[in-house]
Amino acid sequence: MKQISGKELARIVERNGWRLLRVTGSHHIYGKSGSPVRLCVPIHGNRPIKTGLLRHLIKQAGISDSDI
């Protein structure tokens, strides 16, 4: 799995139907209608998201590895 930044993940999540609910500090909270899941994407400049967190967020969002 390639490393991506929080900004890139936020764009991917938005393309897949998630919308930005609020911003708390450097964390963007996304929600999707009909889903109780809330995604908390850390956006720290262009620093890459660590692999474990990236896998967790992708799994929660229902995004496949090929979409990244």
N, C-alpha and C. Protein backbone atom coordinates (compact mmCIF):
# COMPACT_ATOMS: atom_id res chain seq x y z
N MET A 1 0.85 -1.17 0.00
CA MET A 1 0.00 0.00 0.00
C MET A 1 0.90 1.24 0.00
N LYS A 2 0.61 2.14 -0.92
CA LYS A 2 1.44 3.34 -0.99
C LYS A 2 1.00 4.34 0.08
N GLN A 3 1.93 5.16 0.50
CA GLN A 3 1.64 6.15 1.52
C GLN A 3 1.02 7.39 0.88
N ILE A 4 -0.01 7.91 1.52
CA ILE A 4 -0.64 9.13 1.04
C ILE A 4 -0.82 10.07 2.23
N SER A 5 -0.96 11.33 1.93
CA SER A 5 -1.15 12.33 2.99
C SER A 5 -2.63 12.41 3.36
N GLY A 6 -2.91 13.11 4.43
CA GLY A 6 -4.28 13.30 4.86
C GLY A 6 -5.08 14.09 3.84
N LYS A 7 -4.44 15.06 3.19
CA LYS A 7 -5.12 15.86 2.17
C LYS A 7 -5.58 14.98 1.02
N GLU A 8 -4.71 14.07 0.58
CA GLU A 8 -5.05 13.17 -0.52
C GLU A 8 -6.18 12.23 -0.11
N LEU A 9 -6.13 11.70 1.11
CA LEU A 9 -7.18 10.81 1.58
C LEU A 9 -8.51 11.55 1.67
N ALA A 10 -8.48 12.80 2.10
CA ALA A 10 -9.70 13.59 2.19
C ALA A 10 -10.35 13.74 0.80
N ARG A 11 -9.55 13.96 -0.22
CA ARG A 11 -10.08 14.08 -1.58
C ARG A 11 -10.71 12.76 -2.04
N ILE A 12 -10.04 11.65 -1.75
CA ILE A 12 -10.54 10.33 -2.14
C ILE A 12 -11.86 10.03 -1.43
N VAL A 13 -11.91 10.34 -0.14
CA VAL A 13 -13.12 10.10 0.65
C VAL A 13 -14.29 10.92 0.10
N GLU A 14 -14.03 12.18 -0.24
CA GLU A 14 -15.09 13.05 -0.77
C GLU A 14 -15.60 12.55 -2.12
N ARG A 15 -14.70 12.00 -2.95
CA ARG A 15 -15.12 11.46 -4.25
C ARG A 15 -16.00 10.23 -4.08
N ASN A 16 -15.91 9.56 -2.93
CA ASN A 16 -16.69 8.35 -2.68
C ASN A 16 -17.96 8.63 -1.88
N GLY A 17 -18.42 9.86 -1.88
CA GLY A 17 -19.71 10.17 -1.30
C GLY A 17 -19.72 10.66 0.14
N TRP A 18 -18.58 10.75 0.77
CA TRP A 18 -18.52 11.25 2.14
C TRP A 18 -18.49 12.78 2.09
N ARG A 19 -19.07 13.41 3.11
CA ARG A 19 -19.03 14.87 3.13
C ARG A 19 -18.47 15.35 4.46
N LEU A 20 -17.83 16.49 4.39
CA LEU A 20 -17.19 17.08 5.56
C LEU A 20 -18.26 17.61 6.51
N LEU A 21 -18.25 17.11 7.75
CA LEU A 21 -19.21 17.56 8.75
C LEU A 21 -18.66 18.71 9.58
N ARG A 22 -17.40 18.57 10.01
CA ARG A 22 -16.78 19.62 10.81
C ARG A 22 -15.27 19.44 10.81
N VAL A 23 -14.60 20.48 11.26
CA VAL A 23 -13.14 20.45 11.41
C VAL A 23 -12.83 20.79 12.86
N THR A 24 -12.10 19.92 13.51
CA THR A 24 -11.67 20.14 14.89
C THR A 24 -10.15 20.13 14.90
N GLY A 25 -9.56 21.29 14.97
CA GLY A 25 -8.11 21.39 14.91
C GLY A 25 -7.61 20.94 13.56
N SER A 26 -6.76 19.92 13.54
CA SER A 26 -6.21 19.42 12.28
C SER A 26 -6.90 18.14 11.83
N HIS A 27 -8.05 17.81 12.44
CA HIS A 27 -8.77 16.60 12.08
C HIS A 27 -10.09 16.95 11.39
N HIS A 28 -10.29 16.38 10.22
CA HIS A 28 -11.51 16.60 9.45
C HIS A 28 -12.43 15.41 9.69
N ILE A 29 -13.66 15.69 10.11
CA ILE A 29 -14.62 14.65 10.42
C ILE A 29 -15.59 14.53 9.25
N TYR A 30 -15.69 13.31 8.69
CA TYR A 30 -16.54 13.05 7.54
C TYR A 30 -17.67 12.11 7.92
N GLY A 31 -18.83 12.30 7.29
CA GLY A 31 -19.97 11.44 7.49
C GLY A 31 -20.62 11.14 6.16
N LYS A 32 -21.46 10.10 6.18
CA LYS A 32 -22.17 9.70 4.96
C LYS A 32 -23.60 9.38 5.36
N SER A 33 -24.55 9.87 4.59
CA SER A 33 -25.95 9.62 4.93
C SER A 33 -26.24 8.13 4.90
N GLY A 34 -26.97 7.67 5.90
CA GLY A 34 -27.31 6.26 5.99
C GLY A 34 -26.25 5.41 6.65
N SER A 35 -25.16 6.02 7.10
CA SER A 35 -24.08 5.28 7.73
C SER A 35 -23.78 5.89 9.11
N PRO A 36 -23.71 5.06 10.16
CA PRO A 36 -23.40 5.60 11.48
C PRO A 36 -21.91 5.89 11.66
N VAL A 37 -21.09 5.52 10.69
CA VAL A 37 -19.63 5.68 10.78
C VAL A 37 -19.23 7.14 10.60
N ARG A 38 -18.28 7.59 11.39
CA ARG A 38 -17.66 8.90 11.24
C ARG A 38 -16.17 8.67 11.01
N LEU A 39 -15.65 9.28 9.97
CA LEU A 39 -14.22 9.17 9.66
C LEU A 39 -13.50 10.39 10.19
N CYS A 40 -12.44 10.18 10.90
CA CYS A 40 -11.63 11.28 11.42
C CYS A 40 -10.29 11.24 10.70
N VAL A 41 -10.12 12.11 9.72
CA VAL A 41 -8.92 12.13 8.89
C VAL A 41 -7.96 13.20 9.40
N PRO A 42 -6.77 12.79 9.87
CA PRO A 42 -5.80 13.78 10.33
C PRO A 42 -5.12 14.45 9.14
N ILE A 43 -5.12 15.77 9.14
CA ILE A 43 -4.49 16.51 8.05
C ILE A 43 -3.36 17.35 8.66
N HIS A 44 -2.16 16.85 8.53
CA HIS A 44 -0.97 17.50 9.07
C HIS A 44 -0.05 17.86 7.92
N GLY A 45 -0.43 18.84 7.16
CA GLY A 45 0.37 19.24 6.00
C GLY A 45 0.41 18.13 4.98
N ASN A 46 1.59 17.84 4.48
CA ASN A 46 1.75 16.76 3.49
C ASN A 46 2.40 15.52 4.10
N ARG A 47 2.38 15.41 5.44
CA ARG A 47 2.94 14.22 6.09
C ARG A 47 2.07 13.01 5.78
N PRO A 48 2.68 11.89 5.45
CA PRO A 48 1.88 10.69 5.14
C PRO A 48 1.22 10.12 6.39
N ILE A 49 0.05 9.53 6.17
CA ILE A 49 -0.66 8.84 7.25
C ILE A 49 0.00 7.49 7.44
N LYS A 50 0.18 7.07 8.69
CA LYS A 50 0.82 5.78 8.96
C LYS A 50 -0.05 4.65 8.42
N THR A 51 0.59 3.56 8.05
CA THR A 51 -0.05 2.47 7.34
C THR A 51 -1.24 1.87 8.10
N GLY A 52 -1.10 1.64 9.40
CA GLY A 52 -2.18 1.04 10.18
C GLY A 52 -3.43 1.91 10.20
N LEU A 53 -3.24 3.20 10.42
CA LEU A 53 -4.37 4.13 10.44
C LEU A 53 -5.00 4.24 9.05
N LEU A 54 -4.17 4.28 8.03
CA LEU A 54 -4.68 4.36 6.66
C LEU A 54 -5.55 3.15 6.33
N ARG A 55 -5.09 1.95 6.68
CA ARG A 55 -5.87 0.74 6.44
C ARG A 55 -7.20 0.78 7.20
N HIS A 56 -7.17 1.25 8.44
CA HIS A 56 -8.38 1.35 9.26
C HIS A 56 -9.38 2.31 8.63
N LEU A 57 -8.92 3.48 8.21
CA LEU A 57 -9.82 4.47 7.62
C LEU A 57 -10.41 3.98 6.29
N ILE A 58 -9.60 3.32 5.49
CA ILE A 58 -10.07 2.79 4.21
C ILE A 58 -11.13 1.72 4.43
N LYS A 59 -10.90 0.87 5.42
CA LYS A 59 -11.86 -0.19 5.73
C LYS A 59 -13.18 0.40 6.22
N GLN A 60 -13.11 1.40 7.10
CA GLN A 60 -14.31 2.04 7.60
C GLN A 60 -15.09 2.74 6.49
N ALA A 61 -14.36 3.35 5.56
CA ALA A 61 -15.01 4.10 4.49
C ALA A 61 -15.54 3.20 3.39
N GLY A 62 -15.13 1.93 3.38
CA GLY A 62 -15.59 1.02 2.33
C GLY A 62 -14.92 1.28 1.00
N ILE A 63 -13.69 1.74 1.06
CA ILE A 63 -12.92 2.04 -0.16
C ILE A 63 -11.92 0.90 -0.38
N SER A 64 -11.76 0.50 -1.63
CA SER A 64 -10.80 -0.56 -1.94
C SER A 64 -9.41 0.04 -2.14
N ASP A 65 -8.40 -0.81 -2.04
CA ASP A 65 -7.02 -0.36 -2.22
C ASP A 65 -6.78 0.18 -3.62
N SER A 66 -7.52 -0.31 -4.59
CA SER A 66 -7.31 0.13 -5.97
C SER A 66 -7.80 1.56 -6.19
N ASP A 67 -8.68 2.06 -5.32
CA ASP A 67 -9.17 3.44 -5.44
C ASP A 67 -8.14 4.46 -5.01
N ILE A 68 -7.11 4.00 -4.31
CA ILE A 68 -6.10 4.93 -3.80
C ILE A 68 -4.98 5.09 -4.79
